[in-house]
Amino acid sequence: MRNCTVDKIWLEKSYPPGVPFDIDPDKYASLVDMFNKYTQVYSERTAFINMGAEISYTELAEQSQAFAAYLQQELGLVKGDKFAIMIPNTLQYPIALFGALIAGLTVVNVNPLYTARELEHQLKDSGAKAIVIIENFAHTLESIINKTPIEHVVLTSLGDRLGLVKGTLVNTVVKYVKKMVPAFNLPKTVRFNAVLAKGKNMTFSPVVLKGEDLAFLQYTGGTTGVSKGAMLSHRNMVANLEQAKAAIKPLLEEGNELVVTALPLYHIFALTANCLTFITLGGTNLLITNPRDMPAFIKELAKYPFTAITGVNTLFNGLLNTVGFKDLDFSHLRMAMGGGMAVQRPVAERWQQVTSIELLEGYGLTECSPLVTLSPYNQEVYNGSIGLPASSTDIRIVKDDGTDAQIGEAGEMWVKGPQVMVGYYNRQEATDEILKDGWLATGDVATMDEGGFFKIVDRKKDMIIVSGFNVFPNEIEEVVMMHEGVLEVAAIGVPNDFSGELVKIFVVKKDESLDEKSLIDHCRKNLTNYKVPKLIEFRDELPKTNVGKILRRELR
């Protein structure tokens, strides 16, 4: 048997034509160098669209520099200071993002839906000195700002950038925003548009950035204890966008792409795969502010000849189950990429049936900027794997005894590459637990086949043990999803005196006539007895993260 560690058999057996074995992580000195290059190359192209408003690459560069000048001259922020961004997918996000990076700041992305407790933790832990926040959620900041190091607040609204558009859409949105925003009182606050207006007339002092400088403190989802800030350097991010670009470029046409960005840009997946990568392709990002409103989402899709889309399994599943989606024009679509959670076979197969495009599955984690593996672009049918390692990426499969697994054996996936984080911010002990001699221990259990394709069996912490047998929730969920009456499912283990644990599933119905007997009979046809769920609970919805990943821990 061949060893999974040393032999990169994926390169010799499965790497598709046109994808390089290695990328140059130092192609750009920083993300700012990359940004400056492509905003000039694609100056007249549309960079971002949101709610009918557009911003060109030239406008993005000019307004980002104005934002940066204000941060420098008016707020006194200097290279290395932490700057929080707490806004959804709107045109303000890329302006604030690149403005902060141009000013040499380290960006701290914040989920706008955070509770006061979660927000306080992240602002204190990161040491952020300033924040740009959408006013809908400013009351959350107001309640804890005195407990944080925040010195300056930039306030924005959905209507700030929508002034570019004439007509009822803008008026309707602005009225809606004003209606839902409560009164609040924040110190040292300035409006987003005022920042751009003043910054335009200020002198910007260019900042010299190197690859080792921190671009982001990207906080993990907090599903394994306290949320930690992954330190992602400019080199980490440049490497990963180059890795992503290398994997998908054969599918795409530079200067002729429109990617649907429904996942929030403050999440590492959309940040790298959509925002950063497509800038190097001269692409247009269609920003969807509220993808949970599926009918409105589909109406927006109908307006544009979109060529690429990224998402999580629940997003693709939701689209497929919403009236009108199958009637969209998919003639321009060249790439669909799923990540963040396992793509389920029934969803992938139906997606291909409806769109005629294979749903490529990727795997990554915040600590890897995030891309680690991706299905080859020329894959024709879903194969249940997470694909092949990205260019310049090494992977080990390590068994519990510390030895390397053979082909087909399960073990913890370890990753090494230029995309692996510097470490956790101010958490050396946690860093030492996950980084081992340059290898990052992912906590995910995986196998590798003879072609070099990897498959995630599950996370160690989610493993269900029934009478000494390992049961993987992903397998149970995939089988249950094959039942035509199921919309969503999550599987967990519950304590049992006889077998140690029993398998329990939580199910959201697609067909109201669905009952327990039908589901059990279906599972018995597809699973060995000890894997068959013994408990079923029907629910109207399942708990999810901000990007739609089902939270098994809350169900436990």
Protein backbone atom coordinates (compact mmCIF):
# COMPACT_ATOMS: atom_id res chain seq x y z
CA MET A 1 0.00 0.00 0.00
CA ARG A 2 1.22 3.51 -0.79
CA ASN A 3 1.65 6.05 1.95
CA CYS A 4 -0.70 9.05 1.92
CA THR A 5 1.89 11.43 3.32
CA VAL A 6 4.84 11.47 0.98
CA ASP A 7 3.40 10.38 -2.34
CA LYS A 8 1.43 13.15 -4.00
CA ILE A 9 -0.34 10.65 -6.20
CA TRP A 10 -3.02 13.20 -7.08
CA LEU A 11 -0.45 15.05 -9.18
CA GLU A 12 0.48 12.09 -11.32
CA LYS A 13 -2.93 10.47 -11.53
CA SER A 14 -5.70 13.04 -11.31
CA TYR A 15 -4.59 16.66 -11.70
CA PRO A 16 -6.55 18.15 -14.62
CA PRO A 17 -4.91 19.81 -17.64
CA GLY A 18 -3.98 23.46 -17.20
CA VAL A 19 -3.79 23.42 -13.39
CA PRO A 20 -0.20 23.98 -12.17
CA PHE A 21 1.29 21.77 -9.48
CA ASP A 22 2.52 24.90 -7.68
CA ILE A 23 1.62 28.57 -7.46
CA ASP A 24 3.74 31.59 -6.53
CA PRO A 25 2.61 32.82 -3.09
CA ASP A 26 4.78 35.90 -3.60
CA LYS A 27 3.28 36.91 -6.95
CA TYR A 28 2.13 40.12 -5.26
CA ALA A 29 3.87 41.72 -2.30
CA SER A 30 0.44 42.17 -0.71
CA LEU A 31 -3.29 42.18 -1.44
CA VAL A 32 -2.93 45.92 -2.01
CA ASP A 33 -0.43 45.35 -4.83
CA MET A 34 -2.89 42.89 -6.37
CA PHE A 35 -5.76 45.35 -5.96
CA ASN A 36 -3.84 48.25 -7.49
CA LYS A 37 -2.85 46.15 -10.50
CA TYR A 38 -6.29 44.84 -11.43
CA THR A 39 -8.26 48.00 -10.73
CA GLN A 40 -6.09 49.55 -13.44
CA VAL A 41 -6.21 46.61 -15.84
CA TYR A 42 -10.01 46.36 -15.61
CA SER A 43 -10.67 50.04 -14.90
CA GLU A 44 -13.86 50.31 -16.97
CA ARG A 45 -15.35 46.98 -15.91
CA THR A 46 -18.08 46.75 -13.27
CA ALA A 47 -16.59 45.42 -10.05
CA PHE A 48 -19.68 45.03 -7.85
CA ILE A 49 -23.47 45.17 -8.23
CA ASN A 50 -25.97 45.37 -5.39
CA MET A 51 -29.70 46.11 -5.53
CA GLY A 52 -29.35 47.62 -8.99
CA ALA A 53 -26.43 49.92 -8.07
CA GLU A 54 -23.03 49.37 -9.67
CA ILE A 55 -19.47 50.41 -8.97
CA SER A 56 -16.65 50.17 -11.52
CA TYR A 57 -13.08 49.10 -10.80
CA THR A 58 -11.99 52.74 -11.17
CA GLU A 59 -14.66 53.97 -8.75
CA LEU A 60 -13.75 51.20 -6.32
CA ALA A 61 -10.09 52.23 -6.37
CA GLU A 62 -10.87 55.94 -5.96
CA GLN A 63 -13.39 55.49 -3.14
CA SER A 64 -11.24 52.93 -1.33
CA GLN A 65 -8.34 55.39 -1.36
CA ALA A 66 -10.60 58.17 -0.09
CA PHE A 67 -11.73 55.85 2.71
CA ALA A 68 -8.08 55.00 3.48
CA ALA A 69 -7.07 58.67 3.56
CA TYR A 70 -9.81 59.44 6.08
CA LEU A 71 -8.74 56.54 8.29
CA GLN A 72 -5.18 57.88 8.24
CA GLN A 73 -5.66 61.62 8.44
CA GLU A 74 -8.86 62.04 10.42
CA LEU A 75 -8.91 58.96 12.66
CA GLY A 76 -5.16 58.66 13.07
CA LEU A 77 -5.06 54.92 12.39
CA VAL A 78 -1.66 53.50 11.48
CA LYS A 79 -0.27 50.34 9.95
CA GLY A 80 -1.16 47.28 12.00
CA ASP A 81 -4.16 48.79 13.79
CA LYS A 82 -7.23 46.55 13.85
CA PHE A 83 -10.31 47.74 11.94
CA ALA A 84 -13.67 45.96 12.27
CA ILE A 85 -16.19 45.68 9.43
CA MET A 86 -19.74 44.77 10.48
CA ILE A 87 -21.86 45.11 7.36
CA PRO A 88 -23.63 42.63 5.04
CA ASN A 89 -23.18 42.25 1.28
CA THR A 90 -23.56 45.84 0.10
CA LEU A 91 -21.36 48.11 -2.01
CA GLN A 92 -19.95 49.64 1.15
CA TYR A 93 -18.25 46.38 2.08
CA PRO A 94 -15.57 46.26 -0.66
CA ILE A 95 -14.91 50.00 -0.28
CA ALA A 96 -14.34 49.61 3.46
CA LEU A 97 -12.38 46.39 2.99
CA PHE A 98 -9.89 47.69 0.46
CA GLY A 99 -9.77 51.11 2.11
CA ALA A 100 -8.64 49.50 5.36
CA LEU A 101 -6.11 47.25 3.60
CA ILE A 102 -4.69 50.18 1.59
CA ALA A 103 -4.22 52.05 4.88
CA GLY A 104 -2.18 49.10 6.17
CA LEU A 105 -4.78 48.04 8.73
CA THR A 106 -5.67 44.52 9.78
CA VAL A 107 -9.32 43.79 8.96
CA VAL A 108 -11.53 42.13 11.56
CA ASN A 109 -14.66 40.81 9.85
CA VAL A 110 -17.74 40.76 12.09
CA ASN A 111 -21.08 39.06 11.55
CA PRO A 112 -23.79 41.79 11.65
CA LEU A 113 -26.16 39.36 13.38
CA TYR A 114 -23.88 38.89 16.38
CA THR A 115 -25.38 39.27 19.81
CA ALA A 116 -23.95 41.88 22.18
CA ARG A 117 -21.97 39.17 23.99
CA GLU A 118 -20.43 37.84 20.77
CA LEU A 119 -19.63 41.32 19.50
CA GLU A 120 -18.03 42.38 22.77
CA HIS A 121 -15.81 39.30 22.79
CA GLN A 122 -14.57 39.81 19.23
CA LEU A 123 -13.89 43.54 19.58
CA LYS A 124 -12.06 43.08 22.88
CA ASP A 125 -10.14 40.03 21.75
CA SER A 126 -8.99 41.69 18.51
CA GLY A 127 -8.28 45.09 20.04
CA ALA A 128 -10.11 46.83 17.19
CA LYS A 129 -9.79 50.61 17.39
CA ALA A 130 -12.48 51.50 14.87
CA ILE A 131 -15.50 49.90 13.24
CA VAL A 132 -17.74 50.46 10.23
CA ILE A 133 -21.21 49.18 11.00
CA ILE A 134 -24.60 49.17 9.30
CA GLU A 135 -27.04 51.21 11.34
CA ASN A 136 -29.64 48.40 11.53
CA PHE A 137 -27.42 46.74 14.13
CA ALA A 138 -25.82 49.78 15.74
CA HIS A 139 -27.93 49.27 18.87
CA THR A 140 -25.94 46.07 19.53
CA LEU A 141 -22.70 48.02 19.42
CA GLU A 142 -24.18 50.80 21.54
CA SER A 143 -24.92 48.39 24.38
CA ILE A 144 -21.29 47.23 24.74
CA ILE A 145 -19.06 49.87 23.15
CA ASN A 146 -17.88 51.22 26.50
CA LYS A 147 -16.46 47.76 27.30
CA THR A 148 -14.40 47.63 24.10
CA PRO A 149 -11.34 49.44 22.71
CA ILE A 150 -13.41 50.99 19.88
CA GLU A 151 -12.54 54.69 19.54
CA HIS A 152 -14.27 55.56 16.26
CA VAL A 153 -17.47 54.44 14.52
CA VAL A 154 -18.30 54.79 10.83
CA LEU A 155 -22.04 54.39 10.38
CA THR A 156 -23.64 53.28 7.13
CA SER A 157 -27.03 52.21 5.80
CA LEU A 158 -28.41 50.35 2.82
CA GLY A 159 -29.34 53.70 1.35
CA ASP A 160 -25.87 55.25 1.44
CA ARG A 161 -24.59 53.77 -1.81
CA LEU A 162 -28.02 53.23 -3.37
CA GLY A 163 -28.13 56.89 -4.21
CA LEU A 164 -26.53 55.86 -7.50
CA VAL A 165 -29.83 54.38 -8.61
CA LYS A 166 -32.92 56.35 -9.53
CA GLY A 167 -36.38 55.04 -8.94
CA THR A 168 -38.67 53.19 -6.57
CA LEU A 169 -36.20 50.50 -5.57
CA VAL A 170 -34.01 52.96 -3.69
CA ASN A 171 -36.91 54.78 -2.09
CA THR A 172 -38.45 51.53 -0.95
CA VAL A 173 -35.19 50.25 0.55
CA VAL A 174 -34.38 53.51 2.31
CA LYS A 175 -37.87 53.72 3.81
CA TYR A 176 -37.57 50.13 4.98
CA VAL A 177 -34.20 50.77 6.60
CA LYS A 178 -35.37 53.93 8.35
CA LYS A 179 -38.45 52.13 9.60
CA MET A 180 -36.51 49.29 11.22
CA VAL A 181 -33.60 51.26 12.72
CA PRO A 182 -34.02 52.07 16.43
CA ALA A 183 -32.68 55.21 18.06
CA PHE A 184 -29.12 54.95 19.31
CA ASN A 185 -26.30 57.08 20.60
CA LEU A 186 -22.72 56.24 19.66
CA PRO A 187 -19.68 58.41 20.44
CA LYS A 188 -17.25 59.65 17.78
CA THR A 189 -19.53 58.63 14.93
CA VAL A 190 -19.31 59.70 11.29
CA ARG A 191 -21.47 58.70 8.31
CA PHE A 192 -19.98 56.53 5.57
CA ASN A 193 -20.75 59.00 2.79
CA ALA A 194 -19.17 61.82 4.80
CA VAL A 195 -16.00 59.73 5.11
CA LEU A 196 -15.84 59.34 1.33
CA ALA A 197 -16.56 63.04 0.70
CA LYS A 198 -13.92 64.26 3.16
CA GLY A 199 -11.39 61.58 2.32
CA LYS A 200 -11.51 62.51 -1.35
CA ASN A 201 -9.89 65.84 -0.51
CA MET A 202 -7.32 64.44 1.91
CA THR A 203 -3.75 63.43 1.14
CA PHE A 204 -3.24 59.67 1.24
CA SER A 205 0.16 58.43 2.40
CA PRO A 206 1.01 55.08 0.74
CA VAL A 207 1.86 52.29 3.18
CA VAL A 208 4.58 49.74 2.45
CA LEU A 209 3.23 46.25 3.04
CA LYS A 210 5.03 42.92 3.03
CA GLY A 211 3.79 39.38 2.76
CA GLU A 212 4.20 38.70 6.47
CA ASP A 213 2.02 41.67 7.49
CA LEU A 214 -1.40 40.66 8.82
CA ALA A 215 -4.28 41.27 6.42
CA PHE A 216 -7.05 39.72 8.54
CA LEU A 217 -7.94 38.55 11.99
CA GLN A 218 -10.58 36.13 10.75
CA TYR A 219 -12.57 34.70 13.61
CA THR A 220 -13.60 31.07 13.59
CA GLY A 221 -17.28 30.29 13.88
CA GLY A 222 -16.91 29.50 17.56
CA THR A 223 -18.40 26.02 17.14
CA THR A 224 -15.54 24.51 19.16
CA GLY A 225 -15.45 26.75 22.21
CA VAL A 226 -14.42 30.41 22.31
CA SER A 227 -14.17 32.08 18.90
CA LYS A 228 -10.51 32.62 18.02
CA GLY A 229 -8.90 35.05 15.58
CA ALA A 230 -6.95 33.28 12.85
CA MET A 231 -4.03 35.49 11.83
CA LEU A 232 -4.02 35.52 8.03
CA SER A 233 -1.13 37.36 6.44
CA HIS A 234 -1.12 39.07 3.05
CA ARG A 235 1.01 36.16 1.81
CA ASN A 236 -1.52 33.63 3.11
CA MET A 237 -4.32 35.38 1.24
CA VAL A 238 -2.35 35.97 -1.96
CA ALA A 239 -1.39 32.29 -1.98
CA ASN A 240 -4.95 31.12 -1.52
CA LEU A 241 -6.50 33.36 -4.15
CA GLU A 242 -3.79 32.15 -6.56
CA GLN A 243 -4.61 28.55 -5.58
CA ALA A 244 -8.32 29.14 -6.14
CA LYS A 245 -7.67 30.89 -9.44
CA ALA A 246 -5.40 28.10 -10.64
CA ALA A 247 -8.08 25.48 -9.94
CA ILE A 248 -10.97 27.22 -11.73
CA LYS A 249 -9.30 29.40 -14.37
CA PRO A 250 -9.66 26.83 -17.19
CA LEU A 251 -13.44 27.19 -16.80
CA LEU A 252 -13.50 30.98 -16.88
CA GLU A 253 -12.83 33.91 -19.20
CA GLU A 254 -10.87 36.87 -17.84
CA GLY A 255 -12.84 40.09 -18.09
CA ASN A 256 -16.08 38.26 -18.84
CA GLU A 257 -17.32 36.82 -15.55
CA LEU A 258 -20.27 37.61 -13.28
CA VAL A 259 -20.17 35.65 -10.04
CA VAL A 260 -23.18 35.38 -7.73
CA THR A 261 -22.07 36.23 -4.18
CA ALA A 262 -24.83 35.13 -1.84
CA LEU A 263 -22.62 34.05 1.03
CA PRO A 264 -21.56 37.04 3.13
CA LEU A 265 -18.22 38.62 2.23
CA TYR A 266 -17.31 38.75 5.92
CA HIS A 267 -17.11 34.92 5.72
CA ILE A 268 -13.73 33.59 4.57
CA PHE A 269 -15.21 31.43 1.78
CA ALA A 270 -16.86 34.29 -0.13
CA LEU A 271 -14.06 36.70 0.80
CA THR A 272 -11.41 34.61 -0.95
CA ALA A 273 -13.34 32.65 -3.59
CA ASN A 274 -15.55 35.51 -4.77
CA CYS A 275 -14.20 38.91 -3.79
CA LEU A 276 -10.43 38.48 -4.07
CA THR A 277 -10.16 35.76 -6.72
CA PHE A 278 -12.62 37.32 -9.15
CA ILE A 279 -10.90 40.70 -8.92
CA THR A 280 -7.84 39.06 -10.50
CA LEU A 281 -10.17 37.82 -13.27
CA GLY A 282 -11.76 41.22 -13.83
CA GLY A 283 -15.04 39.70 -12.73
CA THR A 284 -18.22 41.33 -11.48
CA ASN A 285 -19.55 40.30 -8.07
CA LEU A 286 -23.35 40.32 -7.86
CA LEU A 287 -23.86 40.90 -4.13
CA ILE A 288 -26.99 39.37 -2.61
CA THR A 289 -27.76 41.10 0.67
CA ASN A 290 -30.44 38.69 1.90
CA PRO A 291 -30.22 35.26 0.24
CA ARG A 292 -32.69 33.81 2.71
CA ASP A 293 -35.45 35.59 0.79
CA MET A 294 -35.30 32.98 -1.94
CA PRO A 295 -38.06 34.38 -4.21
CA ALA A 296 -36.38 37.82 -4.25
CA PHE A 297 -32.99 36.14 -4.74
CA ILE A 298 -34.27 34.32 -7.82
CA LYS A 299 -35.80 37.51 -9.22
CA GLU A 300 -32.38 39.14 -8.92
CA LEU A 301 -30.70 36.21 -10.67
CA ALA A 302 -33.14 36.55 -13.55
CA LYS A 303 -31.77 40.04 -14.31
CA TYR A 304 -28.16 39.03 -15.00
CA PRO A 305 -26.24 36.58 -17.24
CA PHE A 306 -24.39 35.04 -14.30
CA THR A 307 -21.44 32.80 -15.12
CA ALA A 308 -20.43 31.47 -11.69
CA ILE A 309 -21.97 30.87 -8.27
CA THR A 310 -20.66 29.72 -4.91
CA GLY A 311 -22.60 28.57 -1.87
CA VAL A 312 -23.18 25.98 0.81
CA ASN A 313 -25.33 22.86 0.48
CA THR A 314 -28.31 24.49 2.17
CA LEU A 315 -28.20 27.43 -0.26
CA PHE A 316 -28.18 25.19 -3.35
CA ASN A 317 -30.88 23.00 -1.82
CA GLY A 318 -32.99 26.07 -1.05
CA LEU A 319 -32.69 27.38 -4.61
CA LEU A 320 -33.62 24.01 -6.08
CA ASN A 321 -36.74 23.90 -3.92
CA THR A 322 -37.92 27.44 -4.73
CA VAL A 323 -40.45 28.10 -7.47
CA GLY A 324 -38.89 29.80 -10.48
CA PHE A 325 -35.31 28.64 -10.09
CA LYS A 326 -35.47 25.90 -12.70
CA ASP A 327 -36.85 28.44 -15.20
CA LEU A 328 -33.76 30.69 -15.01
CA ASP A 329 -31.36 31.00 -17.95
CA PHE A 330 -28.30 28.87 -17.16
CA SER A 331 -26.76 29.17 -20.63
CA HIS A 332 -23.94 31.43 -19.37
CA LEU A 333 -23.19 29.42 -16.21
CA ARG A 334 -19.73 27.85 -16.29
CA MET A 335 -18.92 27.14 -12.65
CA ALA A 336 -20.76 26.25 -9.45
CA MET A 337 -18.77 25.65 -6.26
CA GLY A 338 -20.01 24.30 -2.94
CA GLY A 339 -18.14 24.48 0.36
CA GLY A 340 -18.53 25.26 4.05
CA MET A 341 -20.23 21.92 4.69
CA ALA A 342 -20.61 18.61 2.89
CA VAL A 343 -22.42 18.77 -0.44
CA GLN A 344 -25.05 16.03 -0.35
CA ARG A 345 -25.37 13.68 -3.31
CA PRO A 346 -29.12 14.30 -3.89
CA VAL A 347 -28.49 18.06 -3.98
CA ALA A 348 -25.47 17.75 -6.30
CA GLU A 349 -27.27 15.40 -8.67
CA ARG A 350 -30.40 17.54 -8.84
CA TRP A 351 -28.30 20.69 -9.34
CA GLN A 352 -26.63 19.12 -12.36
CA GLN A 353 -29.99 17.94 -13.69
CA VAL A 354 -31.48 21.45 -13.46
CA THR A 355 -28.50 23.59 -14.51
CA SER A 356 -26.46 21.10 -16.63
CA ILE A 357 -23.40 22.20 -14.60
CA GLU A 358 -21.52 19.95 -12.18
CA LEU A 359 -21.53 21.23 -8.60
CA LEU A 360 -17.84 21.23 -7.64
CA GLU A 361 -17.22 20.50 -3.98
CA GLY A 362 -14.45 22.26 -2.14
CA TYR A 363 -13.07 21.88 1.35
CA GLY A 364 -11.41 24.46 3.50
CA LEU A 365 -11.27 26.10 6.89
CA THR A 366 -10.68 29.58 8.20
CA GLU A 367 -7.19 28.62 9.33
CA CYS A 368 -6.27 27.86 5.68
CA SER A 369 -7.56 31.10 4.14
CA PRO A 370 -9.70 28.83 3.44
CA LEU A 371 -9.18 26.59 0.37
CA VAL A 372 -7.50 23.21 0.86
CA THR A 373 -9.05 20.92 -1.76
CA LEU A 374 -11.41 21.27 -4.71
CA SER A 375 -13.03 18.93 -7.22
CA PRO A 376 -11.20 19.10 -10.57
CA TYR A 377 -12.86 21.51 -12.98
CA ASN A 378 -13.31 18.75 -15.59
CA GLN A 379 -15.16 16.39 -13.24
CA GLU A 380 -18.35 15.33 -14.99
CA VAL A 381 -20.34 13.67 -12.20
CA TYR A 382 -20.54 13.96 -8.42
CA ASN A 383 -18.23 11.42 -6.77
CA GLY A 384 -18.76 12.19 -3.09
CA SER A 385 -15.22 13.46 -2.55
CA ILE A 386 -13.91 16.91 -1.65
CA GLY A 387 -11.59 16.70 -4.62
CA LEU A 388 -7.83 17.12 -4.90
CA PRO A 389 -5.38 19.26 -2.90
CA ALA A 390 -4.95 22.79 -4.21
CA SER A 391 -1.68 23.68 -5.94
CA SER A 392 1.29 23.89 -3.51
CA THR A 393 -0.67 21.99 -0.85
CA ASP A 394 0.49 18.87 1.03
CA ILE A 395 -1.91 16.64 2.95
CA ARG A 396 -1.30 13.88 5.50
CA ILE A 397 -3.84 11.45 6.91
CA VAL A 398 -2.75 10.73 10.49
CA LYS A 399 -4.14 7.83 12.51
CA ASP A 400 -4.82 7.95 16.25
CA ASP A 401 -1.46 6.30 16.99
CA GLY A 402 0.36 9.12 15.15
CA THR A 403 1.33 7.03 12.13
CA ASP A 404 0.40 7.90 8.58
CA ALA A 405 -2.59 6.14 7.10
CA GLN A 406 -2.45 3.99 4.02
CA ILE A 407 -4.72 4.51 1.04
CA GLY A 408 -8.33 3.97 2.08
CA GLU A 409 -7.62 4.21 5.82
CA ALA A 410 -9.29 6.93 7.88
CA GLY A 411 -7.41 9.43 9.99
CA GLU A 412 -7.17 13.11 10.84
CA MET A 413 -6.37 15.36 7.88
CA TRP A 414 -3.25 17.51 8.30
CA VAL A 415 -2.48 20.31 5.86
CA LYS A 416 0.71 22.16 4.91
CA GLY A 417 0.95 25.01 2.42
CA PRO A 418 1.44 28.77 2.01
CA GLN A 419 -2.23 29.34 2.86
CA VAL A 420 -1.91 28.01 6.44
CA MET A 421 -2.41 30.74 9.03
CA VAL A 422 0.32 32.32 11.13
CA GLY A 423 -1.54 31.21 14.27
CA TYR A 424 -4.35 32.28 16.60
CA TYR A 425 -4.16 35.87 17.82
CA ASN A 426 -2.89 36.06 21.40
CA ARG A 427 -3.52 32.33 21.89
CA GLN A 428 -0.19 30.51 21.75
CA GLU A 429 -1.48 27.42 23.54
CA ALA A 430 -4.37 27.00 21.08
CA THR A 431 -1.93 27.62 18.21
CA ASP A 432 0.41 24.90 19.46
CA GLU A 433 -2.50 22.45 19.64
CA ILE A 434 -3.35 22.83 15.97
CA LEU A 435 0.00 23.71 14.31
CA LYS A 436 2.54 20.89 14.47
CA ASP A 437 5.91 21.42 12.74
CA GLY A 438 4.28 23.41 9.96
CA TRP A 439 1.32 21.05 9.62
CA LEU A 440 -2.20 22.18 10.55
CA ALA A 441 -4.29 19.47 12.23
CA THR A 442 -7.80 20.11 10.89
CA GLY A 443 -9.82 17.97 13.29
CA ASP A 444 -11.54 16.38 10.30
CA VAL A 445 -11.47 12.64 9.69
CA ALA A 446 -10.70 11.79 6.06
CA THR A 447 -9.59 9.10 3.65
CA MET A 448 -7.68 9.20 0.36
CA ASP A 449 -8.31 6.85 -2.56
CA GLU A 450 -5.87 5.52 -5.14
CA GLY A 451 -6.47 8.50 -7.41
CA GLY A 452 -5.56 11.01 -4.73
CA PHE A 453 -9.16 12.11 -4.10
CA PHE A 454 -9.97 12.92 -0.49
CA LYS A 455 -13.23 12.31 1.30
CA ILE A 456 -14.25 13.77 4.64
CA VAL A 457 -15.69 11.10 6.85
CA ASP A 458 -16.59 13.59 9.56
CA ARG A 459 -15.30 15.80 12.31
CA LYS A 460 -13.87 13.96 15.28
CA LYS A 461 -16.22 15.70 17.68
CA ASP A 462 -19.31 14.72 15.67
CA MET A 463 -18.53 11.00 15.58
CA ILE A 464 -21.33 8.75 16.85
CA ILE A 465 -20.20 5.50 18.47
CA VAL A 466 -22.80 2.73 18.53
CA SER A 467 -21.71 -0.44 20.32
CA GLY A 468 -18.11 0.28 19.44
CA PHE A 469 -18.83 1.00 15.78
CA ASN A 470 -18.10 4.42 14.34
CA VAL A 471 -21.09 6.08 12.71
CA PHE A 472 -20.55 9.24 10.67
CA PRO A 473 -23.39 11.80 10.67
CA ASN A 474 -22.63 12.86 7.07
CA GLU A 475 -23.45 9.37 5.82
CA ILE A 476 -26.73 9.23 7.73
CA GLU A 477 -27.75 12.68 6.53
CA GLU A 478 -26.94 11.89 2.90
CA VAL A 479 -29.10 8.75 2.99
CA VAL A 480 -32.02 10.54 4.66
CA MET A 481 -31.79 13.35 2.07
CA MET A 482 -32.33 10.75 -0.65
CA HIS A 483 -35.96 10.48 0.56
CA GLU A 484 -38.07 12.75 -1.61
CA GLY A 485 -40.13 13.91 1.38
CA VAL A 486 -37.12 15.42 3.25
CA LEU A 487 -36.05 19.05 2.94
CA GLU A 488 -33.26 19.14 5.55
CA VAL A 489 -31.76 16.79 8.09
CA ALA A 490 -29.15 16.67 10.85
CA ALA A 491 -27.89 13.56 12.66
CA ILE A 492 -26.41 13.39 16.17
CA GLY A 493 -25.60 10.79 18.78
CA VAL A 494 -27.59 10.63 22.02
CA PRO A 495 -26.53 8.69 25.15
CA ASN A 496 -27.84 5.14 25.57
CA ASP A 497 -27.14 2.73 28.43
CA PHE A 498 -27.11 -0.31 26.14
CA SER A 499 -25.13 0.77 23.10
CA GLY A 500 -23.34 3.86 24.35
CA GLU A 501 -25.08 6.08 21.81
CA LEU A 502 -28.05 5.95 19.49
CA VAL A 503 -28.46 7.77 16.19
CA LYS A 504 -31.06 10.54 16.29
CA ILE A 505 -32.11 12.64 13.31
CA PHE A 506 -33.85 16.01 13.16
CA VAL A 507 -35.90 16.41 9.99
CA VAL A 508 -37.57 19.32 8.20
CA LYS A 509 -40.31 17.99 5.92
CA LYS A 510 -40.70 18.79 2.25
CA ASP A 511 -43.82 16.61 2.14
CA GLU A 512 -46.16 17.03 5.11
CA SER A 513 -47.36 13.43 4.77
CA LEU A 514 -43.87 12.16 5.67
CA ASP A 515 -43.90 9.99 8.81
CA GLU A 516 -41.40 8.11 10.97
CA LYS A 517 -42.18 4.68 9.50
CA SER A 518 -41.51 5.85 5.96
CA LEU A 519 -38.15 7.30 6.97
CA ILE A 520 -37.07 4.27 9.00
CA ASP A 521 -37.99 1.91 6.16
CA HIS A 522 -36.00 4.09 3.76
CA CYS A 523 -32.94 4.09 6.05
CA ARG A 524 -33.09 0.33 6.55
CA LYS A 525 -32.86 -0.10 2.81
CA ASN A 526 -29.66 1.94 2.66
CA LEU A 527 -27.87 1.48 6.00
CA THR A 528 -26.69 -1.37 8.16
CA ASN A 529 -28.76 -1.83 11.27
CA TYR A 530 -26.53 -0.05 13.78
CA LYS A 531 -26.53 3.06 11.56
CA VAL A 532 -30.31 3.25 11.21
CA PRO A 533 -31.73 6.19 13.24
CA LYS A 534 -33.58 5.01 16.33
CA LEU A 535 -35.04 8.44 17.14
CA ILE A 536 -36.65 10.98 14.81
CA GLU A 537 -37.75 14.51 15.65
CA PHE A 538 -39.58 16.64 13.09
CA ARG A 539 -38.93 20.38 13.21
CA ASP A 540 -40.00 23.44 11.27
CA GLU A 541 -36.37 24.52 10.87
CA LEU A 542 -32.85 23.59 11.96
CA PRO A 543 -30.34 25.90 13.70
CA LYS A 544 -27.70 27.25 11.31
CA THR A 545 -24.67 29.51 11.25
CA ASN A 546 -24.78 32.83 9.40
CA VAL A 547 -23.72 31.06 6.19
CA GLY A 548 -26.31 28.32 6.46
CA LYS A 549 -24.25 25.50 7.98
CA ILE A 550 -26.41 23.30 10.21
CA LEU A 551 -25.29 23.40 13.85
CA ARG A 552 -25.32 19.86 15.21
CA ARG A 553 -23.94 21.07 18.56
CA GLU A 554 -27.12 23.08 19.26
CA LEU A 555 -29.23 20.02 18.52
CA ARG A 556 -27.09 17.99 20.91
